Amino acid sequence: MLQDAVERNLEIIGEAMSKLLKIHPEISISNSGRIVDARNKIIHGYDEIENVQVWEVIINHLPRLKKEVERYL
């Protein structure tokens, strides 16, 4: 259940990033393309997502994304 919840939140973040980039392409967010790609991978199941990959995103990438997004809020 926890894994599903985390993956769902990553899907939401990726979808929001996709829409944001369409509206404001000048916004500079690190790895924005990779965020959208991860969303597509989770949603469409191109490859099986491993827990290690999800954990890496949580630990290594979400803190930076949070700081970058807070600049715009």
C-alpha atoms as a PDB file:
ATOM      1  CA  MET A   1       0.000   0.000   0.000  1.00  0.00           C
ATOM      2  CA  LEU A   2       2.814   2.395   0.870  1.00  0.00           C
ATOM      3  CA  GLN A   3       4.583   1.709  -2.418  1.00  0.00           C
ATOM      4  CA  ASP A   4       1.384   2.373  -4.348  1.00  0.00           C
ATOM      5  CA  ALA A   5       0.864   5.649  -2.468  1.00  0.00           C
ATOM      6  CA  VAL A   6       4.421   6.804  -3.147  1.00  0.00           C
ATOM      7  CA  GLU A   7       4.195   5.895  -6.826  1.00  0.00           C
ATOM      8  CA  ARG A   8       0.854   7.699  -7.086  1.00  0.00           C
ATOM      9  CA  ASN A   9       2.393  10.844  -5.626  1.00  0.00           C
ATOM     10  CA  LEU A  10       5.288  10.598  -8.082  1.00  0.00           C
ATOM     11  CA  GLU A  11       2.716  10.328 -10.878  1.00  0.00           C
ATOM     12  CA  ILE A  12       1.018  13.495  -9.627  1.00  0.00           C
ATOM     13  CA  ILE A  13       4.320  15.364  -9.405  1.00  0.00           C
ATOM     14  CA  GLY A  14       5.222  14.279 -12.937  1.00  0.00           C
ATOM     15  CA  GLU A  15       1.848  15.306 -14.322  1.00  0.00           C
ATOM     16  CA  ALA A  16       2.057  18.682 -12.594  1.00  0.00           C
ATOM     17  CA  MET A  17       5.556  19.189 -14.003  1.00  0.00           C
ATOM     18  CA  SER A  18       4.368  18.341 -17.495  1.00  0.00           C
ATOM     19  CA  LYS A  19       1.511  20.852 -17.300  1.00  0.00           C
ATOM     20  CA  LEU A  20       3.731  23.519 -15.734  1.00  0.00           C
ATOM     21  CA  LEU A  21       6.308  23.222 -18.502  1.00  0.00           C
ATOM     22  CA  LYS A  22       3.588  23.603 -21.143  1.00  0.00           C
ATOM     23  CA  ILE A  23       2.282  26.775 -19.496  1.00  0.00           C
ATOM     24  CA  HIS A  24       5.648  28.257 -18.438  1.00  0.00           C
ATOM     25  CA  PRO A  25       8.474  26.656 -20.425  1.00  0.00           C
ATOM     26  CA  GLU A  26      10.913  29.258 -19.091  1.00  0.00           C
ATOM     27  CA  ILE A  27      10.726  27.824 -15.556  1.00  0.00           C
ATOM     28  CA  SER A  28      13.982  26.191 -14.602  1.00  0.00           C
ATOM     29  CA  ILE A  29      13.566  23.022 -12.549  1.00  0.00           C
ATOM     30  CA  SER A  30      16.414  20.509 -12.445  1.00  0.00           C
ATOM     31  CA  ASN A  31      15.621  17.210 -14.097  1.00  0.00           C
ATOM     32  CA  SER A  32      12.158  18.356 -15.163  1.00  0.00           C
ATOM     33  CA  GLY A  33      12.288  16.091 -18.203  1.00  0.00           C
ATOM     34  CA  ARG A  34      13.311  13.129 -16.084  1.00  0.00           C
ATOM     35  CA  ILE A  35      10.448  13.836 -13.680  1.00  0.00           C
ATOM     36  CA  VAL A  36       7.964  13.676 -16.552  1.00  0.00           C
ATOM     37  CA  ASP A  37       9.670  10.545 -17.916  1.00  0.00           C
ATOM     38  CA  ALA A  38       9.413   8.841 -14.508  1.00  0.00           C
ATOM     39  CA  ARG A  39       5.704   9.650 -14.421  1.00  0.00           C
ATOM     40  CA  ASN A  40       5.221   8.103 -17.845  1.00  0.00           C
ATOM     41  CA  LYS A  41       7.205   5.040 -16.860  1.00  0.00           C
ATOM     42  CA  ILE A  42       5.094   4.509 -13.734  1.00  0.00           C
ATOM     43  CA  ILE A  43       1.747   5.202 -15.428  1.00  0.00           C
ATOM     44  CA  HIS A  44       2.294   3.261 -18.622  1.00  0.00           C
ATOM     45  CA  GLY A  45       4.476   0.532 -17.168  1.00  0.00           C
ATOM     46  CA  TYR A  46       7.143   0.757 -19.864  1.00  0.00           C
ATOM     47  CA  ASP A  47       9.494  -0.996 -17.508  1.00  0.00           C
ATOM     48  CA  GLU A  48       8.903  -2.467 -14.134  1.00  0.00           C
ATOM     49  CA  ILE A  49       9.759   0.095 -11.478  1.00  0.00           C
ATOM     50  CA  GLU A  50      11.966  -1.267  -8.739  1.00  0.00           C
ATOM     51  CA  ASN A  51      11.719  -0.173  -5.122  1.00  0.00           C
ATOM     52  CA  VAL A  52      15.381   0.850  -5.199  1.00  0.00           C
ATOM     53  CA  GLN A  53      14.650   3.327  -7.995  1.00  0.00           C
ATOM     54  CA  VAL A  54      11.715   4.826  -6.122  1.00  0.00           C
ATOM     55  CA  TRP A  55      13.752   5.097  -2.922  1.00  0.00           C
ATOM     56  CA  GLU A  56      16.574   6.823  -4.826  1.00  0.00           C
ATOM     57  CA  VAL A  57      14.143   9.421  -6.127  1.00  0.00           C
ATOM     58  CA  ILE A  58      12.793  10.046  -2.631  1.00  0.00           C
ATOM     59  CA  ILE A  59      16.201  10.383  -1.000  1.00  0.00           C
ATOM     60  CA  ASN A  60      18.271  12.022  -3.732  1.00  0.00           C
ATOM     61  CA  HIS A  61      15.891  14.081  -5.840  1.00  0.00           C
ATOM     62  CA  LEU A  62      12.767  15.131  -3.934  1.00  0.00           C
ATOM     63  CA  PRO A  63      14.594  17.391  -1.439  1.00  0.00           C
ATOM     64  CA  ARG A  64      16.154  19.388  -4.287  1.00  0.00           C
ATOM     65  CA  LEU A  65      12.853  19.546  -6.172  1.00  0.00           C
ATOM     66  CA  LYS A  66      11.136  20.831  -3.034  1.00  0.00           C
ATOM     67  CA  LYS A  67      13.683  23.650  -2.658  1.00  0.00           C
ATOM     68  CA  GLU A  68      13.380  24.629  -6.310  1.00  0.00           C
ATOM     69  CA  VAL A  69       9.577  24.648  -6.242  1.00  0.00           C
ATOM     70  CA  GLU A  70       9.519  26.683  -3.021  1.00  0.00           C
ATOM     71  CA  ARG A  71      11.372  29.475  -4.864  1.00  0.00           C
ATOM     72  CA  TYR A  72       8.335  29.875  -7.117  1.00  0.00           C
ATOM     73  CA  LEU A  73       5.671  29.738  -4.416  1.00  0.00           C
END
